[in-house]
């Protein structure tokens, strides 16, 4: 499990990758704890954060990190962890952003 300053970025990518691998499409939203979501304001420039949100809705909740779509399909990163192999396109490449380095 990642524990660096960008741990929630890796977790977000893991949730999206798991969804993509399972269903062959991108999720429309990722639910995550509000404290995890807060990290994205520090990890990315406003422009990069907007790029992420243009592709996937980030929803604050008190529950686990879950990538999902409107059909009911979901991937629960909190219980399933990182997928065991990479999807055809990785979330980090699809999102097209890189977190700021640790200061």
N, C-alpha and C. Protein backbone atom coordinates (compact mmCIF):
# COMPACT_ATOMS: atom_id res chain seq x y z
N UNK A 1 0.84 -1.18 0.00
CA UNK A 1 0.00 0.00 0.00
C UNK A 1 0.88 1.23 0.00
N UNK A 2 0.59 2.19 -0.87
CA UNK A 2 1.41 3.41 -0.92
C UNK A 2 1.19 4.26 0.32
N UNK A 3 2.24 4.90 0.78
CA UNK A 3 2.13 5.74 1.96
C UNK A 3 2.84 7.07 1.82
N UNK A 4 3.27 7.44 0.62
CA UNK A 4 3.94 8.71 0.40
C UNK A 4 2.94 9.86 0.32
N UNK A 5 3.43 11.03 0.01
CA UNK A 5 2.57 12.21 -0.06
C UNK A 5 1.49 12.07 -1.12
N UNK A 6 1.73 11.24 -2.13
CA UNK A 6 0.80 11.06 -3.24
C UNK A 6 0.03 9.73 -3.16
N UNK A 7 -0.09 9.19 -1.95
CA UNK A 7 -0.73 7.88 -1.76
C UNK A 7 -2.16 7.85 -2.29
N UNK A 8 -2.91 8.94 -2.11
CA UNK A 8 -4.29 8.92 -2.57
C UNK A 8 -4.40 9.01 -4.09
N UNK A 9 -3.41 9.57 -4.74
CA UNK A 9 -3.35 9.55 -6.20
C UNK A 9 -3.19 8.10 -6.67
N UNK A 10 -2.27 7.35 -6.06
CA UNK A 10 -2.07 5.95 -6.43
C UNK A 10 -3.32 5.12 -6.14
N UNK A 11 -3.98 5.41 -5.05
CA UNK A 11 -5.21 4.70 -4.71
C UNK A 11 -6.32 5.01 -5.71
N UNK A 12 -6.45 6.27 -6.09
CA UNK A 12 -7.43 6.65 -7.11
C UNK A 12 -7.15 5.89 -8.41
N UNK A 13 -5.90 5.88 -8.82
CA UNK A 13 -5.53 5.17 -10.05
C UNK A 13 -5.80 3.68 -9.91
N UNK A 14 -5.56 3.11 -8.74
CA UNK A 14 -5.85 1.70 -8.52
C UNK A 14 -7.33 1.39 -8.65
N UNK A 15 -8.16 2.26 -8.11
CA UNK A 15 -9.62 2.07 -8.21
C UNK A 15 -10.07 2.15 -9.66
N UNK A 16 -9.57 3.14 -10.38
CA UNK A 16 -9.94 3.31 -11.79
C UNK A 16 -9.40 2.16 -12.63
N UNK A 17 -8.15 1.77 -12.40
CA UNK A 17 -7.57 0.64 -13.14
C UNK A 17 -8.36 -0.64 -12.90
N UNK A 18 -8.76 -0.88 -11.66
CA UNK A 18 -9.54 -2.08 -11.35
C UNK A 18 -10.87 -2.08 -12.07
N UNK A 19 -11.51 -0.92 -12.11
CA UNK A 19 -12.78 -0.80 -12.83
C UNK A 19 -12.58 -1.05 -14.32
N UNK A 20 -11.56 -0.41 -14.89
CA UNK A 20 -11.28 -0.56 -16.32
C UNK A 20 -10.98 -2.02 -16.68
N UNK A 21 -10.20 -2.66 -15.85
CA UNK A 21 -9.83 -4.06 -16.09
C UNK A 21 -11.07 -4.96 -16.02
N UNK A 22 -11.91 -4.73 -15.06
CA UNK A 22 -13.10 -5.57 -14.87
C UNK A 22 -14.16 -5.36 -15.95
N UNK A 23 -14.40 -4.09 -16.32
CA UNK A 23 -15.54 -3.79 -17.19
C UNK A 23 -15.17 -3.33 -18.60
N UNK A 24 -13.90 -2.99 -18.83
CA UNK A 24 -13.48 -2.56 -20.16
C UNK A 24 -13.92 -1.15 -20.52
N UNK A 25 -14.32 -0.38 -19.53
CA UNK A 25 -14.72 1.01 -19.74
C UNK A 25 -14.29 1.83 -18.52
N UNK A 26 -14.44 3.14 -18.63
CA UNK A 26 -14.03 4.03 -17.54
C UNK A 26 -15.19 4.25 -16.58
N UNK A 27 -14.90 4.42 -15.30
CA UNK A 27 -15.97 4.79 -14.37
C UNK A 27 -16.38 6.24 -14.60
N UNK A 28 -17.56 6.59 -14.14
CA UNK A 28 -17.99 7.98 -14.25
C UNK A 28 -17.72 8.75 -12.96
N UNK A 29 -17.53 8.00 -11.85
CA UNK A 29 -17.24 8.67 -10.58
C UNK A 29 -16.41 7.77 -9.70
N UNK A 30 -15.72 8.42 -8.77
CA UNK A 30 -15.02 7.68 -7.71
C UNK A 30 -15.41 8.34 -6.39
N UNK A 31 -15.97 7.52 -5.52
CA UNK A 31 -16.32 7.98 -4.17
C UNK A 31 -15.11 7.72 -3.27
N UNK A 32 -14.84 8.68 -2.40
CA UNK A 32 -13.72 8.51 -1.47
C UNK A 32 -13.94 9.36 -0.23
N UNK A 33 -13.26 9.00 0.82
CA UNK A 33 -13.35 9.74 2.07
C UNK A 33 -12.95 11.19 1.83
N UNK A 34 -13.61 12.07 2.51
CA UNK A 34 -13.37 13.51 2.30
C UNK A 34 -11.93 13.91 2.55
N UNK A 35 -11.25 13.25 3.48
CA UNK A 35 -9.85 13.59 3.74
C UNK A 35 -8.95 13.16 2.59
N UNK A 36 -9.28 12.04 1.96
CA UNK A 36 -8.53 11.61 0.77
C UNK A 36 -8.76 12.60 -0.36
N UNK A 37 -9.99 13.01 -0.52
CA UNK A 37 -10.33 13.95 -1.59
C UNK A 37 -9.61 15.29 -1.40
N UNK A 38 -9.47 15.70 -0.16
CA UNK A 38 -8.78 16.96 0.15
C UNK A 38 -7.35 16.98 -0.39
N UNK A 39 -6.71 15.85 -0.40
CA UNK A 39 -5.32 15.77 -0.88
C UNK A 39 -5.16 16.26 -2.31
N UNK A 40 -6.17 16.07 -3.14
CA UNK A 40 -6.04 16.41 -4.55
C UNK A 40 -5.86 17.91 -4.77
N UNK A 41 -6.37 18.71 -3.86
CA UNK A 41 -6.16 20.15 -3.94
C UNK A 41 -4.71 20.55 -3.73
N UNK A 42 -3.97 19.73 -2.99
CA UNK A 42 -2.55 19.98 -2.74
C UNK A 42 -1.65 19.30 -3.76
N UNK A 43 -2.10 18.16 -4.25
CA UNK A 43 -1.27 17.35 -5.14
C UNK A 43 -1.20 17.89 -6.57
N UNK A 44 -2.23 18.65 -6.98
CA UNK A 44 -2.31 19.07 -8.38
C UNK A 44 -2.53 20.56 -8.51
N UNK A 45 -2.06 21.09 -9.63
CA UNK A 45 -2.38 22.47 -9.96
C UNK A 45 -3.89 22.55 -10.21
N UNK A 46 -4.44 23.74 -10.19
CA UNK A 46 -5.87 23.91 -10.47
C UNK A 46 -6.21 23.35 -11.85
N UNK A 47 -5.32 23.58 -12.81
CA UNK A 47 -5.57 23.11 -14.18
C UNK A 47 -5.58 21.58 -14.23
N UNK A 48 -4.63 20.94 -13.59
CA UNK A 48 -4.58 19.47 -13.60
C UNK A 48 -5.76 18.87 -12.83
N UNK A 49 -6.14 19.49 -11.73
CA UNK A 49 -7.29 19.01 -10.96
C UNK A 49 -8.57 19.11 -11.80
N UNK A 50 -8.68 20.19 -12.56
CA UNK A 50 -9.83 20.35 -13.46
C UNK A 50 -9.84 19.28 -14.55
N UNK A 51 -8.66 18.91 -15.05
CA UNK A 51 -8.58 17.84 -16.05
C UNK A 51 -9.07 16.51 -15.49
N UNK A 52 -8.70 16.21 -14.25
CA UNK A 52 -9.17 14.98 -13.61
C UNK A 52 -10.69 15.01 -13.51
N UNK A 53 -11.22 16.12 -12.98
CA UNK A 53 -12.66 16.22 -12.76
C UNK A 53 -13.46 16.28 -14.06
N UNK A 54 -12.81 16.62 -15.17
CA UNK A 54 -13.49 16.61 -16.46
C UNK A 54 -13.70 15.17 -16.95
N UNK A 55 -12.90 14.24 -16.44
CA UNK A 55 -13.00 12.85 -16.89
C UNK A 55 -13.75 11.96 -15.91
N UNK A 56 -13.64 12.25 -14.63
CA UNK A 56 -14.29 11.42 -13.62
C UNK A 56 -14.72 12.31 -12.45
N UNK A 57 -15.95 12.12 -12.02
CA UNK A 57 -16.45 12.90 -10.89
C UNK A 57 -15.84 12.34 -9.60
N UNK A 58 -15.34 13.21 -8.76
CA UNK A 58 -14.78 12.82 -7.47
C UNK A 58 -15.79 13.21 -6.40
N UNK A 59 -16.29 12.22 -5.67
CA UNK A 59 -17.37 12.43 -4.72
C UNK A 59 -16.88 12.18 -3.30
N UNK A 60 -17.11 13.15 -2.46
CA UNK A 60 -16.74 13.04 -1.05
C UNK A 60 -17.78 12.20 -0.32
N UNK A 61 -17.30 11.24 0.45
CA UNK A 61 -18.19 10.42 1.27
C UNK A 61 -17.43 9.96 2.50
N UNK A 62 -18.11 9.32 3.39
CA UNK A 62 -17.45 8.81 4.60
C UNK A 62 -17.12 7.33 4.47
N UNK A 63 -17.33 6.77 3.29
CA UNK A 63 -17.10 5.35 3.07
C UNK A 63 -15.81 5.07 2.34
N UNK A 64 -15.71 3.86 1.79
CA UNK A 64 -14.50 3.42 1.10
C UNK A 64 -14.35 4.06 -0.28
N UNK A 65 -13.18 3.89 -0.88
CA UNK A 65 -12.91 4.39 -2.23
C UNK A 65 -13.48 3.39 -3.24
N UNK A 66 -14.47 3.84 -4.01
CA UNK A 66 -15.15 2.98 -4.96
C UNK A 66 -15.30 3.70 -6.29
N UNK A 67 -14.80 3.08 -7.35
CA UNK A 67 -15.01 3.57 -8.72
C UNK A 67 -16.29 2.93 -9.23
N UNK A 68 -17.15 3.73 -9.87
CA UNK A 68 -18.44 3.20 -10.29
C UNK A 68 -18.97 3.94 -11.51
N UNK A 69 -20.03 3.37 -12.08
CA UNK A 69 -20.72 4.06 -13.17
C UNK A 69 -22.21 4.03 -12.89
N UNK A 70 -22.99 4.54 -13.81
CA UNK A 70 -24.43 4.66 -13.60
C UNK A 70 -25.18 3.35 -13.78
N UNK A 71 -24.51 2.30 -14.27
CA UNK A 71 -25.17 1.01 -14.46
C UNK A 71 -25.16 0.17 -13.18
N UNK A 72 -24.41 0.63 -12.17
CA UNK A 72 -24.25 -0.13 -10.94
C UNK A 72 -22.94 -0.90 -10.87
N UNK A 73 -22.17 -0.86 -11.94
CA UNK A 73 -20.86 -1.51 -11.94
C UNK A 73 -19.93 -0.76 -10.99
N UNK A 74 -19.11 -1.50 -10.26
CA UNK A 74 -18.22 -0.84 -9.30
C UNK A 74 -16.97 -1.67 -9.03
N UNK A 75 -15.95 -0.97 -8.54
CA UNK A 75 -14.72 -1.59 -8.09
C UNK A 75 -14.37 -0.92 -6.77
N UNK A 76 -14.34 -1.71 -5.70
CA UNK A 76 -14.08 -1.19 -4.36
C UNK A 76 -12.60 -1.35 -4.05
N UNK A 77 -11.85 -0.28 -4.23
CA UNK A 77 -10.41 -0.32 -3.96
C UNK A 77 -10.14 -0.69 -2.50
N UNK A 78 -10.98 -0.21 -1.61
CA UNK A 78 -10.74 -0.41 -0.18
C UNK A 78 -10.78 -1.89 0.21
N UNK A 79 -11.58 -2.70 -0.49
CA UNK A 79 -11.62 -4.13 -0.17
C UNK A 79 -10.86 -4.99 -1.19
N UNK A 80 -10.77 -4.50 -2.44
CA UNK A 80 -10.14 -5.30 -3.49
C UNK A 80 -8.68 -4.93 -3.75
N UNK A 81 -8.28 -3.74 -3.34
CA UNK A 81 -6.90 -3.31 -3.51
C UNK A 81 -6.53 -3.06 -4.97
N UNK A 82 -5.23 -3.07 -5.22
CA UNK A 82 -4.75 -2.86 -6.58
C UNK A 82 -5.05 -4.09 -7.43
N UNK A 83 -5.44 -3.89 -8.68
CA UNK A 83 -5.67 -5.05 -9.54
C UNK A 83 -4.38 -5.84 -9.75
N UNK A 84 -4.51 -7.12 -10.09
CA UNK A 84 -3.34 -7.98 -10.22
C UNK A 84 -2.61 -7.83 -11.54
N UNK A 85 -3.18 -7.08 -12.48
CA UNK A 85 -2.49 -6.78 -13.74
C UNK A 85 -2.97 -5.42 -14.24
N UNK A 86 -2.28 -4.91 -15.23
CA UNK A 86 -2.60 -3.58 -15.75
C UNK A 86 -3.70 -3.67 -16.81
N UNK A 87 -4.57 -2.66 -16.87
CA UNK A 87 -5.55 -2.62 -17.95
C UNK A 87 -4.90 -2.20 -19.26
N UNK A 88 -5.67 -2.20 -20.33
CA UNK A 88 -5.13 -1.81 -21.64
C UNK A 88 -4.62 -0.38 -21.64
N UNK A 89 -5.27 0.50 -20.92
CA UNK A 89 -4.83 1.89 -20.73
C UNK A 89 -4.88 2.16 -19.23
N UNK A 90 -3.78 2.61 -18.68
CA UNK A 90 -3.73 2.89 -17.24
C UNK A 90 -4.40 4.22 -16.91
N UNK A 91 -4.96 4.29 -15.73
CA UNK A 91 -5.65 5.50 -15.29
C UNK A 91 -4.73 6.73 -15.35
N UNK A 92 -3.48 6.57 -14.93
CA UNK A 92 -2.57 7.72 -14.92
C UNK A 92 -2.36 8.27 -16.33
N UNK A 93 -2.39 7.39 -17.33
CA UNK A 93 -2.24 7.83 -18.72
C UNK A 93 -3.55 8.45 -19.23
N UNK A 94 -4.67 7.84 -18.89
CA UNK A 94 -5.97 8.36 -19.29
C UNK A 94 -6.22 9.74 -18.69
N UNK A 95 -5.88 9.90 -17.43
CA UNK A 95 -6.10 11.18 -16.76
C UNK A 95 -5.10 12.23 -17.25
N UNK A 96 -3.90 11.81 -17.61
CA UNK A 96 -2.93 12.70 -18.24
C UNK A 96 -2.33 13.77 -17.36
N UNK A 97 -2.25 13.50 -16.05
CA UNK A 97 -1.68 14.47 -15.11
C UNK A 97 -0.65 13.77 -14.23
N UNK A 98 0.19 14.57 -13.60
CA UNK A 98 1.19 14.06 -12.68
C UNK A 98 1.14 14.89 -11.40
N UNK A 99 1.16 14.24 -10.24
CA UNK A 99 1.12 15.00 -8.99
C UNK A 99 2.38 15.85 -8.81
N UNK A 100 2.23 16.91 -8.06
CA UNK A 100 3.39 17.74 -7.72
C UNK A 100 4.36 16.91 -6.87
N UNK A 101 5.66 17.21 -6.99
CA UNK A 101 6.63 16.49 -6.13
C UNK A 101 6.46 16.90 -4.68
N UNK A 102 6.91 16.05 -3.80
CA UNK A 102 6.84 16.35 -2.37
C UNK A 102 7.79 17.50 -2.06
N UNK A 103 7.33 18.43 -1.26
CA UNK A 103 8.16 19.59 -0.92
C UNK A 103 8.94 19.36 0.35
